[in-house]
Amino acid sequence: MVHVRFAARDPGGANVLAAFLASCRGGFHYDIWTFPQATPVFDRAGLRCHEFSETSDRMAVHMAWRESPAERLITGTSHYAPFESLLWDEARATGGCSLAVIDSWVNLKNRFLHGH
């Protein structure tokens, strides 16, 4: 069964992903990775998360990915310090593919400054 990872740093992306997961019929194994701002959105939807702290560095994310890689990645697109872009890199490095959902067109260019 395909392992899909959902990830969001901010509430906007978390809202989009949580709405999808709440209405999804399954057919795949998934987990959710977050930063503290996004976790409450998933909590309200009854979805468990693996939360990284604001001070998590690239190596912490890298090690977590290597311990539990995902074949597919679906993320939000925050425009603050990199989180989703780190995960895009990890997916690419391990042969997975990723999709970024956009919850707002404001600052669109900034949402991809740290990766693509």
PDB file of N, CA and C in Angstrom:
ATOM      1  N   MET A   1       0.837  -1.171   0.000  1.00  0.00           N
ATOM      2  CA  MET A   1       0.000   0.000   0.000  1.00  0.00           C
ATOM      3  C   MET A   1       0.894   1.249   0.000  1.00  0.00           C
ATOM      4  N   VAL A   2       0.532   2.218  -0.776  1.00  0.00           N
ATOM      5  CA  VAL A   2       1.317   3.449  -0.907  1.00  0.00           C
ATOM      6  C   VAL A   2       1.283   4.237   0.400  1.00  0.00           C
ATOM      7  N   HIS A   3       2.454   4.737   0.784  1.00  0.00           N
ATOM      8  CA  HIS A   3       2.564   5.580   1.972  1.00  0.00           C
ATOM      9  C   HIS A   3       2.604   7.040   1.513  1.00  0.00           C
ATOM     10  N   VAL A   4       1.611   7.811   1.928  1.00  0.00           N
ATOM     11  CA  VAL A   4       1.515   9.224   1.571  1.00  0.00           C
ATOM     12  C   VAL A   4       1.764  10.047   2.825  1.00  0.00           C
ATOM     13  N   ARG A   5       2.629  11.031   2.712  1.00  0.00           N
ATOM     14  CA  ARG A   5       2.882  11.946   3.826  1.00  0.00           C
ATOM     15  C   ARG A   5       2.256  13.295   3.493  1.00  0.00           C
ATOM     16  N   PHE A   6       1.494  13.820   4.435  1.00  0.00           N
ATOM     17  CA  PHE A   6       0.926  15.163   4.337  1.00  0.00           C
ATOM     18  C   PHE A   6       1.711  16.042   5.294  1.00  0.00           C
ATOM     19  N   ALA A   7       1.992  17.274   4.898  1.00  0.00           N
ATOM     20  CA  ALA A   7       2.775  18.149   5.766  1.00  0.00           C
ATOM     21  C   ALA A   7       2.357  19.599   5.585  1.00  0.00           C
ATOM     22  N   ALA A   8       2.327  20.306   6.713  1.00  0.00           N
ATOM     23  CA  ALA A   8       2.007  21.729   6.675  1.00  0.00           C
ATOM     24  C   ALA A   8       2.731  22.443   7.802  1.00  0.00           C
ATOM     25  N   ARG A   9       3.235  23.599   7.484  1.00  0.00           N
ATOM     26  CA  ARG A   9       3.873  24.451   8.475  1.00  0.00           C
ATOM     27  C   ARG A   9       2.867  25.423   9.071  1.00  0.00           C
ATOM     28  N   ASP A  10       1.907  25.855   8.284  1.00  0.00           N
ATOM     29  CA  ASP A  10       0.980  26.918   8.665  1.00  0.00           C
ATOM     30  C   ASP A  10      -0.476  26.458   8.621  1.00  0.00           C
ATOM     31  N   PRO A  11      -1.355  27.172   9.309  1.00  0.00           N
ATOM     32  CA  PRO A  11      -2.771  26.798   9.341  1.00  0.00           C
ATOM     33  C   PRO A  11      -3.453  26.797   7.976  1.00  0.00           C
ATOM     34  N   GLY A  12      -3.082  27.684   7.071  1.00  0.00           N
ATOM     35  CA  GLY A  12      -3.736  27.722   5.761  1.00  0.00           C
ATOM     36  C   GLY A  12      -3.594  26.420   5.009  1.00  0.00           C
ATOM     37  N   GLY A  13      -2.365  25.963   4.856  1.00  0.00           N
ATOM     38  CA  GLY A  13      -2.136  24.684   4.193  1.00  0.00           C
ATOM     39  C   GLY A  13      -2.747  23.526   4.960  1.00  0.00           C
ATOM     40  N   ALA A  14      -2.672  23.595   6.291  1.00  0.00           N
ATOM     41  CA  ALA A  14      -3.256  22.550   7.124  1.00  0.00           C
ATOM     42  C   ALA A  14      -4.763  22.451   6.907  1.00  0.00           C
ATOM     43  N   ASN A  15      -5.433  23.592   6.755  1.00  0.00           N
ATOM     44  CA  ASN A  15      -6.882  23.579   6.510  1.00  0.00           C
ATOM     45  C   ASN A  15      -7.225  22.841   5.229  1.00  0.00           C
ATOM     46  N   VAL A  16      -6.469  23.087   4.179  1.00  0.00           N
ATOM     47  CA  VAL A  16      -6.725  22.418   2.898  1.00  0.00           C
ATOM     48  C   VAL A  16      -6.488  20.915   3.038  1.00  0.00           C
ATOM     49  N   LEU A  17      -5.368  20.545   3.626  1.00  0.00           N
ATOM     50  CA  LEU A  17      -5.034  19.128   3.763  1.00  0.00           C
ATOM     51  C   LEU A  17      -5.994  18.402   4.701  1.00  0.00           C
ATOM     52  N   ALA A  18      -6.344  19.030   5.818  1.00  0.00           N
ATOM     53  CA  ALA A  18      -7.268  18.400   6.772  1.00  0.00           C
ATOM     54  C   ALA A  18      -8.644  18.197   6.144  1.00  0.00           C
ATOM     55  N   ALA A  19      -9.106  19.163   5.365  1.00  0.00           N
ATOM     56  CA  ALA A  19     -10.410  19.016   4.694  1.00  0.00           C
ATOM     57  C   ALA A  19     -10.385  17.827   3.737  1.00  0.00           C
ATOM     58  N   PHE A  20      -9.290  17.679   3.012  1.00  0.00           N
ATOM     59  CA  PHE A  20      -9.164  16.532   2.110  1.00  0.00           C
ATOM     60  C   PHE A  20      -9.175  15.221   2.891  1.00  0.00           C
ATOM     61  N   LEU A  21      -8.348  15.151   3.931  1.00  0.00           N
ATOM     62  CA  LEU A  21      -8.256  13.907   4.700  1.00  0.00           C
ATOM     63  C   LEU A  21      -9.557  13.565   5.405  1.00  0.00           C
ATOM     64  N   ALA A  22     -10.274  14.570   5.873  1.00  0.00           N
ATOM     65  CA  ALA A  22     -11.542  14.319   6.565  1.00  0.00           C
ATOM     66  C   ALA A  22     -12.588  13.721   5.630  1.00  0.00           C
ATOM     67  N   SER A  23     -12.484  14.020   4.343  1.00  0.00           N
ATOM     68  CA  SER A  23     -13.478  13.509   3.389  1.00  0.00           C
ATOM     69  C   SER A  23     -12.956  12.332   2.564  1.00  0.00           C
ATOM     70  N   CYS A  24     -11.727  11.955   2.796  1.00  0.00           N
ATOM     71  CA  CYS A  24     -11.081  10.904   2.012  1.00  0.00           C
ATOM     72  C   CYS A  24     -11.589   9.526   2.434  1.00  0.00           C
ATOM     73  N   ARG A  25     -11.703   8.653   1.485  1.00  0.00           N
ATOM     74  CA  ARG A  25     -12.176   7.291   1.735  1.00  0.00           C
ATOM     75  C   ARG A  25     -11.039   6.315   2.021  1.00  0.00           C
ATOM     76  N   GLY A  26      -9.826   6.785   1.997  1.00  0.00           N
ATOM     77  CA  GLY A  26      -8.697   5.908   2.305  1.00  0.00           C
ATOM     78  C   GLY A  26      -8.110   5.268   1.068  1.00  0.00           C
ATOM     79  N   GLY A  27      -7.675   4.037   1.213  1.00  0.00           N
ATOM     80  CA  GLY A  27      -7.030   3.331   0.117  1.00  0.00           C
ATOM     81  C   GLY A  27      -5.520   3.526   0.117  1.00  0.00           C
ATOM     82  N   PHE A  28      -5.006   4.213   1.149  1.00  0.00           N
ATOM     83  CA  PHE A  28      -3.574   4.421   1.264  1.00  0.00           C
ATOM     84  C   PHE A  28      -3.224   4.632   2.732  1.00  0.00           C
ATOM     85  N   HIS A  29      -1.994   4.368   3.050  1.00  0.00           N
ATOM     86  CA  HIS A  29      -1.466   4.614   4.391  1.00  0.00           C
ATOM     87  C   HIS A  29      -0.911   6.032   4.402  1.00  0.00           C
ATOM     88  N   TYR A  30      -1.150   6.787   5.460  1.00  0.00           N
ATOM     89  CA  TYR A  30      -0.631   8.155   5.504  1.00  0.00           C
ATOM     90  C   TYR A  30      -0.194   8.534   6.908  1.00  0.00           C
ATOM     91  N   ASP A  31       0.633   9.562   6.962  1.00  0.00           N
ATOM     92  CA  ASP A  31       0.953  10.235   8.201  1.00  0.00           C
ATOM     93  C   ASP A  31       0.963  11.740   7.920  1.00  0.00           C
ATOM     94  N   ILE A  32       1.044  12.517   8.985  1.00  0.00           N
ATOM     95  CA  ILE A  32       0.983  13.973   8.874  1.00  0.00           C
ATOM     96  C   ILE A  32       2.128  14.559   9.675  1.00  0.00           C
ATOM     97  N   TRP A  33       2.912  15.412   9.043  1.00  0.00           N
ATOM     98  CA  TRP A  33       3.996  16.108   9.707  1.00  0.00           C
ATOM     99  C   TRP A  33       3.651  17.594   9.760  1.00  0.00           C
ATOM    100  N   THR A  34       3.901  18.213  10.906  1.00  0.00           N
ATOM    101  CA  THR A  34       3.522  19.611  11.091  1.00  0.00           C
ATOM    102  C   THR A  34       4.566  20.402  11.872  1.00  0.00           C
ATOM    103  N   PHE A  35       4.353  21.709  11.844  1.00  0.00           N
ATOM    104  CA  PHE A  35       4.968  22.643  12.783  1.00  0.00           C
ATOM    105  C   PHE A  35       3.853  23.062  13.734  1.00  0.00           C
ATOM    106  N   PRO A  36       4.189  23.599  14.894  1.00  0.00           N
ATOM    107  CA  PRO A  36       3.177  23.888  15.924  1.00  0.00           C
ATOM    108  C   PRO A  36       1.978  24.728  15.478  1.00  0.00           C
ATOM    109  N   GLN A  37       2.150  25.630  14.530  1.00  0.00           N
ATOM    110  CA  GLN A  37       1.030  26.462  14.092  1.00  0.00           C
ATOM    111  C   GLN A  37      -0.039  25.647  13.360  1.00  0.00           C
ATOM    112  N   ALA A  38       0.349  24.581  12.725  1.00  0.00           N
ATOM    113  CA  ALA A  38      -0.582  23.777  11.915  1.00  0.00           C
ATOM    114  C   ALA A  38      -1.217  22.633  12.692  1.00  0.00           C
ATOM    115  N   THR A  39      -0.568  22.171  13.727  1.00  0.00           N
ATOM    116  CA  THR A  39      -1.055  21.005  14.468  1.00  0.00           C
ATOM    117  C   THR A  39      -2.495  21.144  14.958  1.00  0.00           C
ATOM    118  N   PRO A  40      -2.901  22.290  15.542  1.00  0.00           N
ATOM    119  CA  PRO A  40      -4.284  22.392  16.035  1.00  0.00           C
ATOM    120  C   PRO A  40      -5.350  22.193  14.957  1.00  0.00           C
ATOM    121  N   VAL A  41      -5.047  22.546  13.732  1.00  0.00           N
ATOM    122  CA  VAL A  41      -6.010  22.354  12.643  1.00  0.00           C
ATOM    123  C   VAL A  41      -6.280  20.864  12.456  1.00  0.00           C
ATOM    124  N   PHE A  42      -5.226  20.075  12.429  1.00  0.00           N
ATOM    125  CA  PHE A  42      -5.390  18.629  12.286  1.00  0.00           C
ATOM    126  C   PHE A  42      -6.022  18.018  13.539  1.00  0.00           C
ATOM    127  N   ASP A  43      -5.628  18.519  14.701  1.00  0.00           N
ATOM    128  CA  ASP A  43      -6.226  18.031  15.952  1.00  0.00           C
ATOM    129  C   ASP A  43      -7.739  18.204  15.942  1.00  0.00           C
ATOM    130  N   ARG A  44      -8.220  19.373  15.518  1.00  0.00           N
ATOM    131  CA  ARG A  44      -9.663  19.625  15.473  1.00  0.00           C
ATOM    132  C   ARG A  44     -10.382  18.666  14.528  1.00  0.00           C
ATOM    133  N   ALA A  45      -9.673  18.200  13.520  1.00  0.00           N
ATOM    134  CA  ALA A  45     -10.264  17.243  12.575  1.00  0.00           C
ATOM    135  C   ALA A  45     -10.095  15.799  13.046  1.00  0.00           C
ATOM    136  N   GLY A  46      -9.497  15.618  14.216  1.00  0.00           N
ATOM    137  CA  GLY A  46      -9.293  14.268  14.748  1.00  0.00           C
ATOM    138  C   GLY A  46      -8.157  13.517  14.083  1.00  0.00           C
ATOM    139  N   LEU A  47      -7.187  14.247  13.540  1.00  0.00           N
ATOM    140  CA  LEU A  47      -6.077  13.643  12.820  1.00  0.00           C
ATOM    141  C   LEU A  47      -4.785  13.799  13.620  1.00  0.00           C
ATOM    142  N   ARG A  48      -4.101  12.698  13.852  1.00  0.00           N
ATOM    143  CA  ARG A  48      -2.847  12.723  14.621  1.00  0.00           C
ATOM    144  C   ARG A  48      -1.683  13.199  13.765  1.00  0.00           C
ATOM    145  N   CYS A  49      -0.763  13.907  14.406  1.00  0.00           N
ATOM    146  CA  CYS A  49       0.387  14.471  13.697  1.00  0.00           C
ATOM    147  C   CYS A  49       1.698  14.119  14.371  1.00  0.00           C
ATOM    148  N   HIS A  50       2.731  14.163  13.576  1.00  0.00           N
ATOM    149  CA  HIS A  50       4.106  14.162  14.089  1.00  0.00           C
ATOM    150  C   HIS A  50       4.542  15.617  14.014  1.00  0.00           C
ATOM    151  N   GLU A  51       4.690  16.254  15.169  1.00  0.00           N
ATOM    152  CA  GLU A  51       5.005  17.684  15.192  1.00  0.00           C
ATOM    153  C   GLU A  51       6.495  17.914  15.379  1.00  0.00           C
ATOM    154  N   PHE A  52       7.048  18.768  14.542  1.00  0.00           N
ATOM    155  CA  PHE A  52       8.421  19.227  14.686  1.00  0.00           C
ATOM    156  C   PHE A  52       8.383  20.576  15.394  1.00  0.00           C
ATOM    157  N   SER A  53       9.396  20.873  16.166  1.00  0.00           N
ATOM    158  CA  SER A  53       9.440  22.168  16.848  1.00  0.00           C
ATOM    159  C   SER A  53       9.913  23.248  15.881  1.00  0.00           C
ATOM    160  N   GLU A  54       9.664  24.479  16.249  1.00  0.00           N
ATOM    161  CA  GLU A  54      10.121  25.613  15.435  1.00  0.00           C
ATOM    162  C   GLU A  54      11.637  25.621  15.294  1.00  0.00           C
ATOM    163  N   THR A  55      12.316  25.009  16.240  1.00  0.00           N
ATOM    164  CA  THR A  55      13.776  25.019  16.210  1.00  0.00           C
ATOM    165  C   THR A  55      14.353  23.783  15.521  1.00  0.00           C
ATOM    166  N   SER A  56      13.505  22.927  14.989  1.00  0.00           N
ATOM    167  CA  SER A  56      13.998  21.751  14.263  1.00  0.00           C
ATOM    168  C   SER A  56      14.849  22.208  13.089  1.00  0.00           C
ATOM    169  N   ASP A  57      16.002  21.612  12.962  1.00  0.00           N
ATOM    170  CA  ASP A  57      16.871  21.984  11.851  1.00  0.00           C
ATOM    171  C   ASP A  57      16.727  20.988  10.702  1.00  0.00           C
ATOM    172  N   ARG A  58      17.404  21.281   9.635  1.00  0.00           N
ATOM    173  CA  ARG A  58      17.345  20.439   8.438  1.00  0.00           C
ATOM    174  C   ARG A  58      17.715  18.987   8.747  1.00  0.00           C
ATOM    175  N   MET A  59      18.707  18.811   9.621  1.00  0.00           N
ATOM    176  CA  MET A  59      19.168  17.454   9.939  1.00  0.00           C
ATOM    177  C   MET A  59      18.078  16.658  10.664  1.00  0.00           C
ATOM    178  N   ALA A  60      17.330  17.295  11.550  1.00  0.00           N
ATOM    179  CA  ALA A  60      16.247  16.594  12.256  1.00  0.00           C
ATOM    180  C   ALA A  60      15.182  16.117  11.263  1.00  0.00           C
ATOM    181  N   VAL A  61      14.836  16.968  10.312  1.00  0.00           N
ATOM    182  CA  VAL A  61      13.853  16.595   9.293  1.00  0.00           C
ATOM    183  C   VAL A  61      14.417  15.484   8.408  1.00  0.00           C
ATOM    184  N   HIS A  62      15.660  15.632   8.018  1.00  0.00           N
ATOM    185  CA  HIS A  62      16.330  14.628   7.180  1.00  0.00           C
ATOM    186  C   HIS A  62      16.339  13.257   7.870  1.00  0.00           C
ATOM    187  N   MET A  63      16.737  13.229   9.138  1.00  0.00           N
ATOM    188  CA  MET A  63      16.808  11.963   9.864  1.00  0.00           C
ATOM    189  C   MET A  63      15.420  11.336  10.033  1.00  0.00           C
ATOM    190  N   ALA A  64      14.425  12.158  10.321  1.00  0.00           N
ATOM    191  CA  ALA A  64      13.058  11.638  10.457  1.00  0.00           C
ATOM    192  C   ALA A  64      12.575  11.041   9.145  1.00  0.00           C
ATOM    193  N   TRP A  65      12.894  11.708   8.031  1.00  0.00           N
ATOM    194  CA  TRP A  65      12.478  11.191   6.724  1.00  0.00           C
ATOM    195  C   TRP A  65      13.164   9.864   6.447  1.00  0.00           C
ATOM    196  N   ARG A  66      14.467   9.799   6.713  1.00  0.00           N
ATOM    197  CA  ARG A  66      15.218   8.572   6.432  1.00  0.00           C
ATOM    198  C   ARG A  66      14.724   7.409   7.286  1.00  0.00           C
ATOM    199  N   GLU A  67      14.271   7.694   8.506  1.00  0.00           N
ATOM    200  CA  GLU A  67      13.731   6.644   9.370  1.00  0.00           C
ATOM    201  C   GLU A  67      12.368   6.158   8.883  1.00  0.00           C
ATOM    202  N   SER A  68      11.628   7.057   8.215  1.00  0.00           N
ATOM    203  CA  SER A  68      10.288   6.716   7.749  1.00  0.00           C
ATOM    204  C   SER A  68      10.000   7.456   6.437  1.00  0.00           C
ATOM    205  N   PRO A  69      10.572   6.976   5.332  1.00  0.00           N
ATOM    206  CA  PRO A  69      10.333   7.658   4.058  1.00  0.00           C
ATOM    207  C   PRO A  69       8.905   7.435   3.561  1.00  0.00           C
ATOM    208  N   ALA A  70       8.458   8.340   2.721  1.00  0.00           N
ATOM    209  CA  ALA A  70       7.134   8.220   2.104  1.00  0.00           C
ATOM    210  C   ALA A  70       7.300   8.177   0.592  1.00  0.00           C
ATOM    211  N   GLU A  71       6.419   7.458  -0.064  1.00  0.00           N
ATOM    212  CA  GLU A  71       6.472   7.371  -1.521  1.00  0.00           C
ATOM    213  C   GLU A  71       5.849   8.589  -2.189  1.00  0.00           C
ATOM    214  N   ARG A  72       4.893   9.195  -1.510  1.00  0.00           N
ATOM    215  CA  ARG A  72       4.211  10.386  -2.024  1.00  0.00           C
ATOM    216  C   ARG A  72       4.175  11.432  -0.920  1.00  0.00           C
ATOM    217  N   LEU A  73       4.273  12.687  -1.312  1.00  0.00           N
ATOM    218  CA  LEU A  73       4.266  13.792  -0.367  1.00  0.00           C
ATOM    219  C   LEU A  73       3.300  14.863  -0.859  1.00  0.00           C
ATOM    220  N   ILE A  74       2.409  15.299   0.014  1.00  0.00           N
ATOM    221  CA  ILE A  74       1.484  16.386  -0.305  1.00  0.00           C
ATOM    222  C   ILE A  74       1.623  17.420   0.802  1.00  0.00           C
ATOM    223  N   THR A  75       1.998  18.643   0.420  1.00  0.00           N
ATOM    224  CA  THR A  75       2.288  19.674   1.413  1.00  0.00           C
ATOM    225  C   THR A  75       1.502  20.949   1.163  1.00  0.00           C
ATOM    226  N   GLY A  76       1.528  21.797   2.176  1.00  0.00           N
ATOM    227  CA  GLY A  76       1.109  23.176   2.006  1.00  0.00           C
ATOM    228  C   GLY A  76       2.258  23.950   1.382  1.00  0.00           C
ATOM    229  N   THR A  77       2.117  25.266   1.323  1.00  0.00           N
ATOM    230  CA  THR A  77       3.169  26.110   0.731  1.00  0.00           C
ATOM    231  C   THR A  77       3.347  27.371   1.563  1.00  0.00           C
ATOM    232  N   SER A  78       3.939  27.236   2.724  1.00  0.00           N
ATOM    233  CA  SER A  78       4.156  28.419   3.552  1.00  0.00           C
ATOM    234  C   SER A  78       5.243  29.289   2.936  1.00  0.00           C
ATOM    235  N   HIS A  79       5.285  30.528   3.349  1.00  0.00           N
ATOM    236  CA  HIS A  79       6.307  31.421   2.805  1.00  0.00           C
ATOM    237  C   HIS A  79       7.222  31.953   3.903  1.00  0.00           C
ATOM    238  N   TYR A  80       7.381  31.159   4.949  1.00  0.00           N
ATOM    239  CA  TYR A  80       8.278  31.506   6.048  1.00  0.00           C
ATOM    240  C   TYR A  80       9.492  30.592   5.977  1.00  0.00           C
ATOM    241  N   ALA A  81      10.105  30.329   7.093  1.00  0.00           N
ATOM    242  CA  ALA A  81      11.280  29.456   7.117  1.00  0.00           C
ATOM    243  C   ALA A  81      10.929  28.102   6.501  1.00  0.00           C
ATOM    244  N   PRO A  82      11.858  27.515   5.784  1.00  0.00           N
ATOM    245  CA  PRO A  82      11.575  26.275   5.068  1.00  0.00           C
ATOM    246  C   PRO A  82      11.134  25.125   5.967  1.00  0.00           C
ATOM    247  N   PHE A  83      10.106  24.452   5.578  1.00  0.00           N
ATOM    248  CA  PHE A  83       9.709  23.153   6.123  1.00  0.00           C
ATOM    249  C   PHE A  83       9.257  22.299   4.950  1.00  0.00           C
ATOM    250  N   GLU A  84       8.225  22.767   4.256  1.00  0.00           N
ATOM    251  CA  GLU A  84       7.731  22.013   3.112  1.00  0.00           C
ATOM    252  C   GLU A  84       8.832  21.814   2.068  1.00  0.00           C
ATOM    253  N   SER A  85       9.616  22.854   1.808  1.00  0.00           N
ATOM    254  CA  SER A  85      10.667  22.726   0.793  1.00  0.00           C
ATOM    255  C   SER A  85      11.731  21.707   1.204  1.00  0.00           C
ATOM    256  N   LEU A  86      12.006  21.586   2.497  1.00  0.00           N
ATOM    257  CA  LEU A  86      12.926  20.539   2.956  1.00  0.00           C
ATOM    258  C   LEU A  86      12.360  19.162   2.633  1.00  0.00           C
ATOM    259  N   LEU A  87      11.060  19.026   2.832  1.00  0.00           N
ATOM    260  CA  LEU A  87      10.421  17.743   2.544  1.00  0.00           C
ATOM    261  C   LEU A  87      10.382  17.453   1.052  1.00  0.00           C
ATOM    262  N   TRP A  88      10.193  18.481   0.228  1.00  0.00           N
ATOM    263  CA  TRP A  88      10.228  18.270  -1.227  1.00  0.00           C
ATOM    264  C   TRP A  88      11.589  17.698  -1.619  1.00  0.00           C
ATOM    265  N   ASP A  89      12.656  18.253  -1.028  1.00  0.00           N
ATOM    266  CA  ASP A  89      14.012  17.758  -1.306  1.00  0.00           C
ATOM    267  C   ASP A  89      14.177  16.310  -0.860  1.00  0.00           C
ATOM    268  N   GLU A  90      13.654  15.994   0.319  1.00  0.00           N
ATOM    269  CA  GLU A  90      13.764  14.622   0.821  1.00  0.00           C
ATOM    270  C   GLU A  90      13.011  13.643  -0.074  1.00  0.00           C
ATOM    271  N   ALA A  91      11.822  14.014  -0.492  1.00  0.00           N
ATOM    272  CA  ALA A  91      11.053  13.135  -1.377  1.00  0.00           C
ATOM    273  C   ALA A  91      11.826  12.881  -2.670  1.00  0.00           C
ATOM    274  N   ARG A  92      12.337  13.947  -3.245  1.00  0.00           N
ATOM    275  CA  ARG A  92      13.095  13.828  -4.493  1.00  0.00           C
ATOM    276  C   ARG A  92      14.321  12.936  -4.303  1.00  0.00           C
ATOM    277  N   ALA A  93      15.023  13.120  -3.193  1.00  0.00           N
ATOM    278  CA  ALA A  93      16.257  12.369  -2.942  1.00  0.00           C
ATOM    279  C   ALA A  93      16.008  10.878  -2.742  1.00  0.00           C
ATOM    280  N   THR A  94      14.813  10.518  -2.298  1.00  0.00           N
ATOM    281  CA  THR A  94      14.509   9.102  -2.060  1.00  0.00           C
ATOM    282  C   THR A  94      13.603   8.507  -3.132  1.00  0.00           C
ATOM    283  N   GLY A  95      13.456   9.200  -4.245  1.00  0.00           N
ATOM    284  CA  GLY A  95      12.707   8.664  -5.373  1.00  0.00           C
ATOM    285  C   GLY A  95      11.211   8.841  -5.281  1.00  0.00           C
ATOM    286  N   GLY A  96      10.753   9.642  -4.338  1.00  0.00           N
ATOM    287  CA  GLY A  96       9.319   9.893  -4.215  1.00  0.00           C
ATOM    288  C   GLY A  96       8.907  11.096  -5.058  1.00  0.00           C
ATOM    289  N   CYS A  97       7.633  11.365  -5.070  1.00  0.00           N
ATOM    290  CA  CYS A  97       7.155  12.547  -5.777  1.00  0.00           C
ATOM    291  C   CYS A  97       6.336  13.393  -4.814  1.00  0.00           C
ATOM    292  N   SER A  98       6.222  14.673  -5.135  1.00  0.00           N
ATOM    293  CA  SER A  98       5.526  15.580  -4.229  1.00  0.00           C
ATOM    294  C   SER A  98       4.563  16.475  -4.990  1.00  0.00           C
ATOM    295  N   LEU A  99       3.584  16.947  -4.241  1.00  0.00           N
ATOM    296  CA  LEU A  99       2.581  17.872  -4.751  1.00  0.00           C
ATOM    297  C   LEU A  99       2.391  18.932  -3.678  1.00  0.00           C
ATOM    298  N   ALA A 100       2.415  20.187  -4.075  1.00  0.00           N
ATOM    299  CA  ALA A 100       2.196  21.290  -3.143  1.00  0.00           C
ATOM    300  C   ALA A 100       0.835  21.918  -3.426  1.00  0.00           C
ATOM    301  N   VAL A 101       0.022  22.063  -2.388  1.00  0.00           N
ATOM    302  CA  VAL A 101      -1.276  22.720  -2.532  1.00  0.00           C
ATOM    303  C   VAL A 101      -1.136  24.166  -2.081  1.00  0.00           C
ATOM    304  N   ILE A 102      -1.818  25.033  -2.773  1.00  0.00           N
ATOM    305  CA  ILE A 102      -1.736  26.456  -2.489  1.00  0.00           C
ATOM    306  C   ILE A 102      -3.062  26.903  -1.889  1.00  0.00           C
ATOM    307  N   ASP A 103      -2.978  27.461  -0.684  1.00  0.00           N
ATOM    308  CA  ASP A 103      -4.197  27.897  -0.015  1.00  0.00           C
ATOM    309  C   ASP A 103      -4.488  29.364  -0.266  1.00  0.00           C
ATOM    310  N   SER A 104      -3.547  30.079  -0.876  1.00  0.00           N
ATOM    311  CA  SER A 104      -3.734  31.497  -1.173  1.00  0.00           C
ATOM    312  C   SER A 104      -2.774  31.901  -2.278  1.00  0.00           C
ATOM    313  N   TRP A 105      -3.220  32.779  -3.133  1.00  0.00           N
ATOM    314  CA  TRP A 105      -2.350  33.245  -4.210  1.00  0.00           C
ATOM    315  C   TRP A 105      -1.472  34.406  -3.755  1.00  0.00           C
ATOM    316  N   VAL A 106      -1.722  34.943  -2.576  1.00  0.00           N
ATOM    317  CA  VAL A 106      -0.918  36.048  -2.049  1.00  0.00           C
ATOM    318  C   VAL A 106       0.497  35.542  -1.778  1.00  0.00           C
ATOM    319  N   ASN A 107       1.481  36.305  -2.150  1.00  0.00           N
ATOM    320  CA  ASN A 107       2.887  35.935  -1.950  1.00  0.00           C
ATOM    321  C   ASN A 107       3.258  34.633  -2.645  1.00  0.00           C
ATOM    322  N   LEU A 108       2.642  34.376  -3.762  1.00  0.00           N
ATOM    323  CA  LEU A 108       2.853  33.109  -4.458  1.00  0.00           C
ATOM    324  C   LEU A 108       4.333  32.855  -4.749  1.00  0.00           C
ATOM    325  N   LYS A 109       5.034  33.853  -5.256  1.00  0.00           N
ATOM    326  CA  LYS A 109       6.452  33.681  -5.563  1.00  0.00           C
ATOM    327  C   LYS A 109       7.249  33.300  -4.312  1.00  0.00           C
ATOM    328  N   ASN A 110       6.925  33.927  -3.194  1.00  0.00           N
ATOM    329  CA  ASN A 110       7.653  33.655  -1.947  1.00  0.00           C
ATOM    330  C   ASN A 110       7.443  32.229  -1.449  1.00  0.00           C
ATOM    331  N   ARG A 111       6.348  31.626  -1.812  1.00  0.00           N
ATOM    332  CA  ARG A 111       6.052  30.281  -1.335  1.00  0.00           C
ATOM    333  C   ARG A 111       6.986  29.224  -1.939  1.00  0.00           C
ATOM    334  N   PHE A 112       7.706  29.581  -2.989  1.00  0.00           N
ATOM    335  CA  PHE A 112       8.630  28.654  -3.626  1.00  0.00           C
ATOM    336  C   PHE A 112      10.061  29.163  -3.640  1.00  0.00           C
ATOM    337  N   LEU A 113      10.374  30.144  -2.781  1.00  0.00           N
ATOM    338  CA  LEU A 113      11.729  30.682  -2.714  1.00  0.00           C
ATOM    339  C   LEU A 113      12.757  29.651  -2.267  1.00  0.00           C
ATOM    340  N   HIS A 114      12.379  28.759  -1.367  1.00  0.00           N
ATOM    341  CA  HIS A 114      13.319  27.823  -0.778  1.00  0.00           C
ATOM    342  C   HIS A 114      13.359  26.478  -1.481  1.00  0.00           C
ATOM    343  N   GLY A 115      12.634  26.326  -2.538  1.00  0.00           N
ATOM    344  CA  GLY A 115      12.634  25.047  -3.243  1.00  0.00           C
ATOM    345  C   GLY A 115      11.534  24.979  -4.264  1.00  0.00           C
ATOM    346  N   HIS A 116      11.563  23.913  -5.001  1.00  0.00           N
ATOM    347  CA  HIS A 116      10.560  23.710  -6.038  1.00  0.00           C
ATOM    348  C   HIS A 116      10.322  22.232  -6.276  1.00  0.00           C
TER     349      HIS A 116
END
